[in-house]
Amino acid sequence: MKQNSFVLIEVIFSVVLFSIIFIYTLNNTISILKQNQQSYKTNISILKLESTKLFLEKNQNFNKLLYSSNKLFYDHNLLLNKIQSFSLSKQNDFTIIDICIADISQKWYFKEL
């Protein structure tokens, strides 16, 4: 009888221990998943900004840029959307673009050709 009760206590202890391990593992996995999703969204936004910058470097006709309703158009074609802020200014022989998308702000300097 003592041996059966000892085995039962071991089984209960094992189940409790594995349950605790499972819960912490699941919690950490969910946390890592959320962090990866946020990192993915941030990297996509950075990639969109960098590709827009490269496009503007090649096509330096800034007169064709139009910012309207949180969207940036180039020659009436959508270039970027969901823009939080945008400004374009000219100083000396530089064009300066200050842009913010998804809480990522960048300031670009383009030397006029």
PDB file of N, CA and C in Angstrom:
ATOM      1  N   MET A   1       0.812  -1.191   0.000  1.00  0.00           N
ATOM      2  CA  MET A   1       0.000   0.000   0.000  1.00  0.00           C
ATOM      3  C   MET A   1       0.861   1.263   0.000  1.00  0.00           C
ATOM      4  N   LYS A   2       1.950   1.237   0.780  1.00  0.00           N
ATOM      5  CA  LYS A   2       2.831   2.400   0.824  1.00  0.00           C
ATOM      6  C   LYS A   2       3.476   2.647  -0.540  1.00  0.00           C
ATOM      7  N   GLN A   3       3.786   1.573  -1.234  1.00  0.00           N
ATOM      8  CA  GLN A   3       4.420   1.732  -2.529  1.00  0.00           C
ATOM      9  C   GLN A   3       3.453   2.362  -3.534  1.00  0.00           C
ATOM     10  N   ASN A   4       2.201   1.990  -3.506  1.00  0.00           N
ATOM     11  CA  ASN A   4       1.194   2.558  -4.402  1.00  0.00           C
ATOM     12  C   ASN A   4       0.992   4.049  -4.121  1.00  0.00           C
ATOM     13  N   SER A   5       0.955   4.430  -2.893  1.00  0.00           N
ATOM     14  CA  SER A   5       0.774   5.840  -2.562  1.00  0.00           C
ATOM     15  C   SER A   5       2.003   6.659  -2.963  1.00  0.00           C
ATOM     16  N   PHE A   6       3.177   6.052  -2.823  1.00  0.00           N
ATOM     17  CA  PHE A   6       4.390   6.753  -3.247  1.00  0.00           C
ATOM     18  C   PHE A   6       4.398   6.960  -4.761  1.00  0.00           C
ATOM     19  N   VAL A   7       3.984   5.963  -5.498  1.00  0.00           N
ATOM     20  CA  VAL A   7       3.909   6.060  -6.959  1.00  0.00           C
ATOM     21  C   VAL A   7       2.879   7.124  -7.345  1.00  0.00           C
ATOM     22  N   LEU A   8       1.771   7.167  -6.654  1.00  0.00           N
ATOM     23  CA  LEU A   8       0.745   8.167  -6.925  1.00  0.00           C
ATOM     24  C   LEU A   8       1.274   9.585  -6.661  1.00  0.00           C
ATOM     25  N   ILE A   9       2.002   9.764  -5.585  1.00  0.00           N
ATOM     26  CA  ILE A   9       2.591  11.067  -5.277  1.00  0.00           C
ATOM     27  C   ILE A   9       3.611  11.455  -6.355  1.00  0.00           C
ATOM     28  N   GLU A  10       4.402  10.502  -6.832  1.00  0.00           N
ATOM     29  CA  GLU A  10       5.366  10.776  -7.901  1.00  0.00           C
ATOM     30  C   GLU A  10       4.651  11.197  -9.192  1.00  0.00           C
ATOM     31  N   VAL A  11       3.572  10.534  -9.511  1.00  0.00           N
ATOM     32  CA  VAL A  11       2.810  10.864 -10.717  1.00  0.00           C
ATOM     33  C   VAL A  11       2.203  12.261 -10.596  1.00  0.00           C
ATOM     34  N   ILE A  12       1.631  12.572  -9.453  1.00  0.00           N
ATOM     35  CA  ILE A  12       1.044  13.901  -9.234  1.00  0.00           C
ATOM     36  C   ILE A  12       2.130  14.971  -9.319  1.00  0.00           C
ATOM     37  N   PHE A  13       3.255  14.737  -8.697  1.00  0.00           N
ATOM     38  CA  PHE A  13       4.369  15.685  -8.743  1.00  0.00           C
ATOM     39  C   PHE A  13       4.848  15.881 -10.187  1.00  0.00           C
ATOM     40  N   SER A  14       4.963  14.802 -10.930  1.00  0.00           N
ATOM     41  CA  SER A  14       5.406  14.882 -12.327  1.00  0.00           C
ATOM     42  C   SER A  14       4.416  15.673 -13.178  1.00  0.00           C
ATOM     43  N   VAL A  15       3.142  15.435 -12.987  1.00  0.00           N
ATOM     44  CA  VAL A  15       2.126  16.149 -13.760  1.00  0.00           C
ATOM     45  C   VAL A  15       2.163  17.639 -13.434  1.00  0.00           C
ATOM     46  N   VAL A  16       2.293  17.983 -12.173  1.00  0.00           N
ATOM     47  CA  VAL A  16       2.366  19.388 -11.779  1.00  0.00           C
ATOM     48  C   VAL A  16       3.619  20.034 -12.351  1.00  0.00           C
ATOM     49  N   LEU A  17       4.739  19.369 -12.269  1.00  0.00           N
ATOM     50  CA  LEU A  17       5.995  19.904 -12.784  1.00  0.00           C
ATOM     51  C   LEU A  17       5.929  20.110 -14.297  1.00  0.00           C
ATOM     52  N   PHE A  18       5.439  19.127 -15.018  1.00  0.00           N
ATOM     53  CA  PHE A  18       5.325  19.261 -16.470  1.00  0.00           C
ATOM     54  C   PHE A  18       4.299  20.322 -16.860  1.00  0.00           C
ATOM     55  N   SER A  19       3.272  20.491 -16.084  1.00  0.00           N
ATOM     56  CA  SER A  19       2.279  21.534 -16.359  1.00  0.00           C
ATOM     57  C   SER A  19       2.906  22.920 -16.209  1.00  0.00           C
ATOM     58  N   ILE A  20       3.685  23.090 -15.158  1.00  0.00           N
ATOM     59  CA  ILE A  20       4.366  24.376 -14.942  1.00  0.00           C
ATOM     60  C   ILE A  20       5.350  24.649 -16.080  1.00  0.00           C
ATOM     61  N   ILE A  21       6.109  23.655 -16.463  1.00  0.00           N
ATOM     62  CA  ILE A  21       7.066  23.806 -17.570  1.00  0.00           C
ATOM     63  C   ILE A  21       6.323  24.141 -18.863  1.00  0.00           C
ATOM     64  N   PHE A  22       5.214  23.471 -19.111  1.00  0.00           N
ATOM     65  CA  PHE A  22       4.426  23.716 -20.320  1.00  0.00           C
ATOM     66  C   PHE A  22       3.878  25.140 -20.343  1.00  0.00           C
ATOM     67  N   ILE A  23       3.359  25.596 -19.227  1.00  0.00           N
ATOM     68  CA  ILE A  23       2.787  26.949 -19.152  1.00  0.00           C
ATOM     69  C   ILE A  23       3.865  28.006 -19.412  1.00  0.00           C
ATOM     70  N   TYR A  24       5.022  27.873 -18.797  1.00  0.00           N
ATOM     71  CA  TYR A  24       6.093  28.849 -19.019  1.00  0.00           C
ATOM     72  C   TYR A  24       6.607  28.795 -20.455  1.00  0.00           C
ATOM     73  N   THR A  25       6.707  27.614 -21.012  1.00  0.00           N
ATOM     74  CA  THR A  25       7.142  27.476 -22.397  1.00  0.00           C
ATOM     75  C   THR A  25       6.139  28.122 -23.348  1.00  0.00           C
ATOM     76  N   LEU A  26       4.871  27.875 -23.109  1.00  0.00           N
ATOM     77  CA  LEU A  26       3.830  28.472 -23.929  1.00  0.00           C
ATOM     78  C   LEU A  26       3.834  29.998 -23.813  1.00  0.00           C
ATOM     79  N   ASN A  27       3.994  30.495 -22.601  1.00  0.00           N
ATOM     80  CA  ASN A  27       4.057  31.938 -22.374  1.00  0.00           C
ATOM     81  C   ASN A  27       5.235  32.567 -23.119  1.00  0.00           C
ATOM     82  N   ASN A  28       6.391  31.951 -23.036  1.00  0.00           N
ATOM     83  CA  ASN A  28       7.576  32.464 -23.732  1.00  0.00           C
ATOM     84  C   ASN A  28       7.410  32.392 -25.249  1.00  0.00           C
ATOM     85  N   THR A  29       6.799  31.337 -25.732  1.00  0.00           N
ATOM     86  CA  THR A  29       6.567  31.194 -27.171  1.00  0.00           C
ATOM     87  C   THR A  29       5.636  32.290 -27.678  1.00  0.00           C
ATOM     88  N   ILE A  30       4.587  32.579 -26.949  1.00  0.00           N
ATOM     89  CA  ILE A  30       3.657  33.638 -27.332  1.00  0.00           C
ATOM     90  C   ILE A  30       4.361  34.998 -27.317  1.00  0.00           C
ATOM     91  N   SER A  31       5.178  35.224 -26.310  1.00  0.00           N
ATOM     92  CA  SER A  31       5.922  36.480 -26.224  1.00  0.00           C
ATOM     93  C   SER A  31       6.871  36.637 -27.413  1.00  0.00           C
ATOM     94  N   ILE A  32       7.564  35.603 -27.770  1.00  0.00           N
ATOM     95  CA  ILE A  32       8.486  35.646 -28.911  1.00  0.00           C
ATOM     96  C   ILE A  32       7.714  35.868 -30.210  1.00  0.00           C
ATOM     97  N   LEU A  33       6.575  35.245 -30.346  1.00  0.00           N
ATOM     98  CA  LEU A  33       5.745  35.424 -31.532  1.00  0.00           C
ATOM     99  C   LEU A  33       5.287  36.874 -31.686  1.00  0.00           C
ATOM    100  N   LYS A  34       4.831  37.479 -30.596  1.00  0.00           N
ATOM    101  CA  LYS A  34       4.405  38.879 -30.646  1.00  0.00           C
ATOM    102  C   LYS A  34       5.571  39.797 -31.005  1.00  0.00           C
ATOM    103  N   GLN A  35       6.723  39.526 -30.424  1.00  0.00           N
ATOM    104  CA  GLN A  35       7.907  40.339 -30.706  1.00  0.00           C
ATOM    105  C   GLN A  35       8.318  40.188 -32.172  1.00  0.00           C
ATOM    106  N   ASN A  36       8.242  38.988 -32.715  1.00  0.00           N
ATOM    107  CA  ASN A  36       8.585  38.767 -34.116  1.00  0.00           C
ATOM    108  C   ASN A  36       7.603  39.472 -35.045  1.00  0.00           C
ATOM    109  N   GLN A  37       6.332  39.484 -34.695  1.00  0.00           N
ATOM    110  CA  GLN A  37       5.340  40.175 -35.512  1.00  0.00           C
ATOM    111  C   GLN A  37       5.612  41.673 -35.541  1.00  0.00           C
ATOM    112  N   GLN A  38       5.936  42.241 -34.396  1.00  0.00           N
ATOM    113  CA  GLN A  38       6.238  43.675 -34.341  1.00  0.00           C
ATOM    114  C   GLN A  38       7.514  43.985 -35.120  1.00  0.00           C
ATOM    115  N   SER A  39       8.502  43.151 -34.977  1.00  0.00           N
ATOM    116  CA  SER A  39       9.758  43.339 -35.706  1.00  0.00           C
ATOM    117  C   SER A  39       9.523  43.224 -37.216  1.00  0.00           C
ATOM    118  N   TYR A  40       8.685  42.308 -37.620  1.00  0.00           N
ATOM    119  CA  TYR A  40       8.345  42.127 -39.034  1.00  0.00           C
ATOM    120  C   TYR A  40       7.688  43.393 -39.593  1.00  0.00           C
ATOM    121  N   LYS A  41       6.717  43.937 -38.858  1.00  0.00           N
ATOM    122  CA  LYS A  41       6.026  45.148 -39.309  1.00  0.00           C
ATOM    123  C   LYS A  41       6.992  46.327 -39.406  1.00  0.00           C
ATOM    124  N   THR A  42       7.872  46.459 -38.436  1.00  0.00           N
ATOM    125  CA  THR A  42       8.852  47.546 -38.445  1.00  0.00           C
ATOM    126  C   THR A  42       9.800  47.406 -39.633  1.00  0.00           C
ATOM    127  N   ASN A  43      10.272  46.199 -39.879  1.00  0.00           N
ATOM    128  CA  ASN A  43      11.198  45.984 -40.993  1.00  0.00           C
ATOM    129  C   ASN A  43      10.525  46.206 -42.341  1.00  0.00           C
ATOM    130  N   ILE A  44       9.267  45.858 -42.462  1.00  0.00           N
ATOM    131  CA  ILE A  44       8.529  46.121 -43.703  1.00  0.00           C
ATOM    132  C   ILE A  44       8.411  47.629 -43.928  1.00  0.00           C
ATOM    133  N   SER A  45       8.133  48.373 -42.864  1.00  0.00           N
ATOM    134  CA  SER A  45       8.035  49.834 -42.988  1.00  0.00           C
ATOM    135  C   SER A  45       9.373  50.440 -43.388  1.00  0.00           C
ATOM    136  N   ILE A  46      10.440  49.970 -42.804  1.00  0.00           N
ATOM    137  CA  ILE A  46      11.778  50.470 -43.154  1.00  0.00           C
ATOM    138  C   ILE A  46      12.091  50.141 -44.609  1.00  0.00           C
ATOM    139  N   LEU A  47      11.728  48.949 -45.032  1.00  0.00           N
ATOM    140  CA  LEU A  47      11.966  48.544 -46.416  1.00  0.00           C
ATOM    141  C   LEU A  47      11.179  49.412 -47.395  1.00  0.00           C
ATOM    142  N   LYS A  48       9.935  49.730 -47.046  1.00  0.00           N
ATOM    143  CA  LYS A  48       9.129  50.625 -47.888  1.00  0.00           C
ATOM    144  C   LYS A  48       9.774  52.004 -47.990  1.00  0.00           C
ATOM    145  N   LEU A  49      10.247  52.513 -46.870  1.00  0.00           N
ATOM    146  CA  LEU A  49      10.898  53.823 -46.884  1.00  0.00           C
ATOM    147  C   LEU A  49      12.181  53.813 -47.716  1.00  0.00           C
ATOM    148  N   GLU A  50      12.975  52.784 -47.562  1.00  0.00           N
ATOM    149  CA  GLU A  50      14.232  52.706 -48.295  1.00  0.00           C
ATOM    150  C   GLU A  50      13.994  52.545 -49.800  1.00  0.00           C
ATOM    151  N   SER A  51      13.004  51.764 -50.168  1.00  0.00           N
ATOM    152  CA  SER A  51      12.715  51.618 -51.600  1.00  0.00           C
ATOM    153  C   SER A  51      12.178  52.921 -52.185  1.00  0.00           C
ATOM    154  N   THR A  52      11.395  53.660 -51.403  1.00  0.00           N
ATOM    155  CA  THR A  52      10.916  54.964 -51.855  1.00  0.00           C
ATOM    156  C   THR A  52      12.086  55.935 -52.021  1.00  0.00           C
ATOM    157  N   LYS A  53      13.005  55.889 -51.082  1.00  0.00           N
ATOM    158  CA  LYS A  53      14.179  56.763 -51.173  1.00  0.00           C
ATOM    159  C   LYS A  53      14.995  56.446 -52.425  1.00  0.00           C
ATOM    160  N   LEU A  54      15.201  55.173 -52.701  1.00  0.00           N
ATOM    161  CA  LEU A  54      15.953  54.791 -53.899  1.00  0.00           C
ATOM    162  C   LEU A  54      15.241  55.238 -55.170  1.00  0.00           C
ATOM    163  N   PHE A  55      13.920  55.092 -55.163  1.00  0.00           N
ATOM    164  CA  PHE A  55      13.148  55.535 -56.324  1.00  0.00           C
ATOM    165  C   PHE A  55      13.310  57.035 -56.540  1.00  0.00           C
ATOM    166  N   LEU A  56      13.238  57.793 -55.463  1.00  0.00           N
ATOM    167  CA  LEU A  56      13.361  59.249 -55.580  1.00  0.00           C
ATOM    168  C   LEU A  56      14.771  59.679 -55.955  1.00  0.00           C
ATOM    169  N   GLU A  57      15.768  58.917 -55.543  1.00  0.00           N
ATOM    170  CA  GLU A  57      17.142  59.227 -55.935  1.00  0.00           C
ATOM    171  C   GLU A  57      17.321  59.073 -57.446  1.00  0.00           C
ATOM    172  N   LYS A  58      16.679  58.064 -58.014  1.00  0.00           N
ATOM    173  CA  LYS A  58      16.781  57.841 -59.462  1.00  0.00           C
ATOM    174  C   LYS A  58      15.957  58.855 -60.242  1.00  0.00           C
ATOM    175  N   ASN A  59      14.789  59.183 -59.737  1.00  0.00           N
ATOM    176  CA  ASN A  59      13.878  60.108 -60.425  1.00  0.00           C
ATOM    177  C   ASN A  59      13.785  61.392 -59.615  1.00  0.00           C
ATOM    178  N   GLN A  60      14.708  62.258 -59.832  1.00  0.00           N
ATOM    179  CA  GLN A  60      14.776  63.454 -58.986  1.00  0.00           C
ATOM    180  C   GLN A  60      13.872  64.585 -59.442  1.00  0.00           C
ATOM    181  N   ASN A  61      12.749  64.250 -59.984  1.00  0.00           N
ATOM    182  CA  ASN A  61      11.779  65.273 -60.361  1.00  0.00           C
ATOM    183  C   ASN A  61      10.773  65.395 -59.217  1.00  0.00           C
ATOM    184  N   PHE A  62      11.123  66.208 -58.226  1.00  0.00           N
ATOM    185  CA  PHE A  62      10.308  66.320 -57.017  1.00  0.00           C
ATOM    186  C   PHE A  62       9.031  67.123 -57.243  1.00  0.00           C
ATOM    187  N   ASN A  63       8.924  67.774 -58.381  1.00  0.00           N
ATOM    188  CA  ASN A  63       7.698  68.500 -58.693  1.00  0.00           C
ATOM    189  C   ASN A  63       6.527  67.557 -58.941  1.00  0.00           C
ATOM    190  N   LYS A  64       6.832  66.311 -59.240  1.00  0.00           N
ATOM    191  CA  LYS A  64       5.780  65.325 -59.492  1.00  0.00           C
ATOM    192  C   LYS A  64       5.262  64.682 -58.210  1.00  0.00           C
ATOM    193  N   LEU A  65       5.875  65.003 -57.075  1.00  0.00           N
ATOM    194  CA  LEU A  65       5.426  64.452 -55.795  1.00  0.00           C
ATOM    195  C   LEU A  65       4.183  65.186 -55.312  1.00  0.00           C
ATOM    196  N   LEU A  66       3.251  64.413 -54.806  1.00  0.00           N
ATOM    197  CA  LEU A  66       2.034  64.993 -54.248  1.00  0.00           C
ATOM    198  C   LEU A  66       1.688  64.227 -52.977  1.00  0.00           C
ATOM    199  N   TYR A  67       1.508  64.962 -51.888  1.00  0.00           N
ATOM    200  CA  TYR A  67       1.113  64.368 -50.609  1.00  0.00           C
ATOM    201  C   TYR A  67      -0.326  64.772 -50.331  1.00  0.00           C
ATOM    202  N   SER A  68      -1.196  63.748 -50.213  1.00  0.00           N
ATOM    203  CA  SER A  68      -2.605  64.026 -49.990  1.00  0.00           C
ATOM    204  C   SER A  68      -3.240  62.857 -49.244  1.00  0.00           C
ATOM    205  N   SER A  69      -4.014  63.162 -48.225  1.00  0.00           N
ATOM    206  CA  SER A  69      -4.762  62.149 -47.453  1.00  0.00           C
ATOM    207  C   SER A  69      -3.870  61.012 -46.958  1.00  0.00           C
ATOM    208  N   ASN A  70      -2.742  61.380 -46.365  1.00  0.00           N
ATOM    209  CA  ASN A  70      -1.779  60.416 -45.823  1.00  0.00           C
ATOM    210  C   ASN A  70      -1.230  59.457 -46.874  1.00  0.00           C
ATOM    211  N   LYS A  71      -1.210  59.904 -48.128  1.00  0.00           N
ATOM    212  CA  LYS A  71      -0.655  59.105 -49.217  1.00  0.00           C
ATOM    213  C   LYS A  71       0.309  59.970 -50.015  1.00  0.00           C
ATOM    214  N   LEU A  72       1.355  59.325 -50.505  1.00  0.00           N
ATOM    215  CA  LEU A  72       2.342  60.017 -51.323  1.00  0.00           C
ATOM    216  C   LEU A  72       2.242  59.493 -52.748  1.00  0.00           C
ATOM    217  N   PHE A  73       2.060  60.426 -53.680  1.00  0.00           N
ATOM    218  CA  PHE A  73       1.928  60.070 -55.087  1.00  0.00           C
ATOM    219  C   PHE A  73       3.112  60.622 -55.864  1.00  0.00           C
ATOM    220  N   TYR A  74       3.508  59.889 -56.882  1.00  0.00           N
ATOM    221  CA  TYR A  74       4.521  60.380 -57.810  1.00  0.00           C
ATOM    222  C   TYR A  74       3.927  60.283 -59.205  1.00  0.00           C
ATOM    223  N   ASP A  75       3.744  61.407 -59.837  1.00  0.00           N
ATOM    224  CA  ASP A  75       3.146  61.474 -61.171  1.00  0.00           C
ATOM    225  C   ASP A  75       1.778  60.766 -61.189  1.00  0.00           C
ATOM    226  N   HIS A  76       0.978  61.030 -60.173  1.00  0.00           N
ATOM    227  CA  HIS A  76      -0.387  60.498 -59.998  1.00  0.00           C
ATOM    228  C   HIS A  76      -0.423  58.986 -59.757  1.00  0.00           C
ATOM    229  N   ASN A  77       0.700  58.383 -59.426  1.00  0.00           N
ATOM    230  CA  ASN A  77       0.754  56.956 -59.068  1.00  0.00           C
ATOM    231  C   ASN A  77       1.109  56.837 -57.588  1.00  0.00           C
ATOM    232  N   LEU A  78       0.415  55.943 -56.896  1.00  0.00           N
ATOM    233  CA  LEU A  78       0.638  55.783 -55.458  1.00  0.00           C
ATOM    234  C   LEU A  78       2.049  55.265 -55.193  1.00  0.00           C
ATOM    235  N   LEU A  79       2.760  55.996 -54.366  1.00  0.00           N
ATOM    236  CA  LEU A  79       4.123  55.616 -54.001  1.00  0.00           C
ATOM    237  C   LEU A  79       4.155  55.011 -52.607  1.00  0.00           C
ATOM    238  N   LEU A  80       3.499  55.656 -51.650  1.00  0.00           N
ATOM    239  CA  LEU A  80       3.422  55.174 -50.264  1.00  0.00           C
ATOM    240  C   LEU A  80       2.066  55.562 -49.688  1.00  0.00           C
ATOM    241  N   ASN A  81       1.567  54.724 -48.795  1.00  0.00           N
ATOM    242  CA  ASN A  81       0.345  55.098 -48.078  1.00  0.00           C
ATOM    243  C   ASN A  81       0.577  54.971 -46.578  1.00  0.00           C
ATOM    244  N   LYS A  82      -0.398  55.399 -45.813  1.00  0.00           N
ATOM    245  CA  LYS A  82      -0.333  55.408 -44.350  1.00  0.00           C
ATOM    246  C   LYS A  82       0.849  56.225 -43.832  1.00  0.00           C
ATOM    247  N   ILE A  83       1.058  57.368 -44.424  1.00  0.00           N
ATOM    248  CA  ILE A  83       2.137  58.273 -44.007  1.00  0.00           C
ATOM    249  C   ILE A  83       1.606  59.159 -42.885  1.00  0.00           C
ATOM    250  N   GLN A  84       2.365  59.246 -41.814  1.00  0.00           N
ATOM    251  CA  GLN A  84       1.937  60.066 -40.678  1.00  0.00           C
ATOM    252  C   GLN A  84       2.304  61.531 -40.872  1.00  0.00           C
ATOM    253  N   SER A  85       3.471  61.788 -41.448  1.00  0.00           N
ATOM    254  CA  SER A  85       3.857  63.172 -41.729  1.00  0.00           C
ATOM    255  C   SER A  85       4.798  63.191 -42.925  1.00  0.00           C
ATOM    256  N   PHE A  86       4.757  64.319 -43.628  1.00  0.00           N
ATOM    257  CA  PHE A  86       5.592  64.483 -44.818  1.00  0.00           C
ATOM    258  C   PHE A  86       5.857  65.963 -45.030  1.00  0.00           C
ATOM    259  N   SER A  87       7.097  66.286 -45.325  1.00  0.00           N
ATOM    260  CA  SER A  87       7.428  67.655 -45.707  1.00  0.00           C
ATOM    261  C   SER A  87       8.566  67.628 -46.722  1.00  0.00           C
ATOM    262  N   LEU A  88       8.492  68.556 -47.642  1.00  0.00           N
ATOM    263  CA  LEU A  88       9.498  68.685 -48.684  1.00  0.00           C
ATOM    264  C   LEU A  88       9.950  70.142 -48.697  1.00  0.00           C
ATOM    265  N   SER A  89      11.250  70.338 -48.630  1.00  0.00           N
ATOM    266  CA  SER A  89      11.780  71.702 -48.664  1.00  0.00           C
ATOM    267  C   SER A  89      13.062  71.728 -49.485  1.00  0.00           C
ATOM    268  N   LYS A  90      13.403  72.921 -49.944  1.00  0.00           N
ATOM    269  CA  LYS A  90      14.622  73.090 -50.738  1.00  0.00           C
ATOM    270  C   LYS A  90      15.507  74.111 -50.047  1.00  0.00           C
ATOM    271  N   GLN A  91      16.766  73.743 -49.870  1.00  0.00           N
ATOM    272  CA  GLN A  91      17.759  74.649 -49.284  1.00  0.00           C
ATOM    273  C   GLN A  91      19.011  74.575 -50.138  1.00  0.00           C
ATOM    274  N   ASN A  92      19.402  75.720 -50.643  1.00  0.00           N
ATOM    275  CA  ASN A  92      20.557  75.810 -51.538  1.00  0.00           C
ATOM    276  C   ASN A  92      20.361  74.839 -52.701  1.00  0.00           C
ATOM    277  N   ASP A  93      21.257  73.881 -52.870  1.00  0.00           N
ATOM    278  CA  ASP A  93      21.093  72.929 -53.960  1.00  0.00           C
ATOM    279  C   ASP A  93      20.710  71.537 -53.432  1.00  0.00           C
ATOM    280  N   PHE A  94      20.033  71.505 -52.293  1.00  0.00           N
ATOM    281  CA  PHE A  94      19.560  70.254 -51.709  1.00  0.00           C
ATOM    282  C   PHE A  94      18.034  70.260 -51.607  1.00  0.00           C
ATOM    283  N   THR A  95      17.459  69.114 -51.820  1.00  0.00           N
ATOM    284  CA  THR A  95      16.038  68.905 -51.537  1.00  0.00           C
ATOM    285  C   THR A  95      15.973  68.030 -50.303  1.00  0.00           C
ATOM    286  N   ILE A  96      15.211  68.470 -49.326  1.00  0.00           N
ATOM    287  CA  ILE A  96      15.117  67.757 -48.052  1.00  0.00           C
ATOM    288  C   ILE A  96      13.697  67.224 -47.902  1.00  0.00           C
ATOM    289  N   ILE A  97      13.618  65.929 -47.663  1.00  0.00           N
ATOM    290  CA  ILE A  97      12.319  65.288 -47.431  1.00  0.00           C
ATOM    291  C   ILE A  97      12.330  64.708 -46.026  1.00  0.00           C
ATOM    292  N   ASP A  98      11.351  65.107 -45.250  1.00  0.00           N
ATOM    293  CA  ASP A  98      11.170  64.587 -43.892  1.00  0.00           C
ATOM    294  C   ASP A  98       9.883  63.760 -43.917  1.00  0.00           C
ATOM    295  N   ILE A  99      10.016  62.473 -43.633  1.00  0.00           N
ATOM    296  CA  ILE A  99       8.873  61.566 -43.771  1.00  0.00           C
ATOM    297  C   ILE A  99       8.774  60.667 -42.547  1.00  0.00           C
ATOM    298  N   CYS A 100       7.549  60.359 -42.159  1.00  0.00           N
ATOM    299  CA  CYS A 100       7.305  59.484 -41.005  1.00  0.00           C
ATOM    300  C   CYS A 100       6.208  58.495 -41.397  1.00  0.00           C
ATOM    301  N   ILE A 101       6.518  57.218 -41.209  1.00  0.00           N
ATOM    302  CA  ILE A 101       5.562  56.157 -41.499  1.00  0.00           C
ATOM    303  C   ILE A 101       5.675  55.105 -40.399  1.00  0.00           C
ATOM    304  N   ALA A 102       4.557  54.757 -39.798  1.00  0.00           N
ATOM    305  CA  ALA A 102       4.504  53.735 -38.741  1.00  0.00           C
ATOM    306  C   ALA A 102       5.518  54.013 -37.631  1.00  0.00           C
ATOM    307  N   ASP A 103       5.561  55.235 -37.145  1.00  0.00           N
ATOM    308  CA  ASP A 103       6.455  55.659 -36.059  1.00  0.00           C
ATOM    309  C   ASP A 103       7.938  55.556 -36.410  1.00  0.00           C
ATOM    310  N   ILE A 104       8.256  55.528 -37.689  1.00  0.00           N
ATOM    311  CA  ILE A 104       9.649  55.544 -38.142  1.00  0.00           C
ATOM    312  C   ILE A 104       9.827  56.814 -38.953  1.00  0.00           C
ATOM    313  N   SER A 105      10.679  57.686 -38.456  1.00  0.00           N
ATOM    314  CA  SER A 105      10.915  58.962 -39.135  1.00  0.00           C
ATOM    315  C   SER A 105      12.292  58.965 -39.779  1.00  0.00           C
ATOM    316  N   GLN A 106      12.341  59.518 -40.966  1.00  0.00           N
ATOM    317  CA  GLN A 106      13.615  59.643 -41.665  1.00  0.00           C
ATOM    318  C   GLN A 106      13.677  61.014 -42.330  1.00  0.00           C
ATOM    319  N   LYS A 107      14.888  61.500 -42.479  1.00  0.00           N
ATOM    320  CA  LYS A 107      15.123  62.766 -43.173  1.00  0.00           C
ATOM    321  C   LYS A 107      16.112  62.472 -44.292  1.00  0.00           C
ATOM    322  N   TRP A 108      15.689  62.775 -45.509  1.00  0.00           N
ATOM    323  CA  TRP A 108      16.505  62.483 -46.680  1.00  0.00           C
ATOM    324  C   TRP A 108      17.004  63.782 -47.295  1.00  0.00           C
ATOM    325  N   TYR A 109      18.263  63.747 -47.724  1.00  0.00           N
ATOM    326  CA  TYR A 109      18.878  64.884 -48.402  1.00  0.00           C
ATOM    327  C   TYR A 109      19.256  64.443 -49.819  1.00  0.00           C
ATOM    328  N   PHE A 110      18.732  65.162 -50.793  1.00  0.00           N
ATOM    329  CA  PHE A 110      19.038  64.854 -52.188  1.00  0.00           C
ATOM    330  C   PHE A 110      19.753  66.055 -52.801  1.00  0.00           C
ATOM    331  N   LYS A 111      20.921  65.813 -53.348  1.00  0.00           N
ATOM    332  CA  LYS A 111      21.650  66.878 -54.013  1.00  0.00           C
ATOM    333  C   LYS A 111      21.113  66.992 -55.434  1.00  0.00           C
ATOM    334  N   GLU A 112      20.750  68.210 -55.794  1.00  0.00           N
ATOM    335  CA  GLU A 112      20.179  68.449 -57.123  1.00  0.00           C
ATOM    336  C   GLU A 112      21.261  68.254 -58.163  1.00  0.00           C
ATOM    337  N   LEU A 113      20.875  67.587 -59.226  1.00  0.00           N
ATOM    338  CA  LEU A 113      21.833  67.324 -60.328  1.00  0.00           C
ATOM    339  C   LEU A 113      21.882  68.461 -61.309  1.00  0.00           C
TER     340      LEU A 113
END
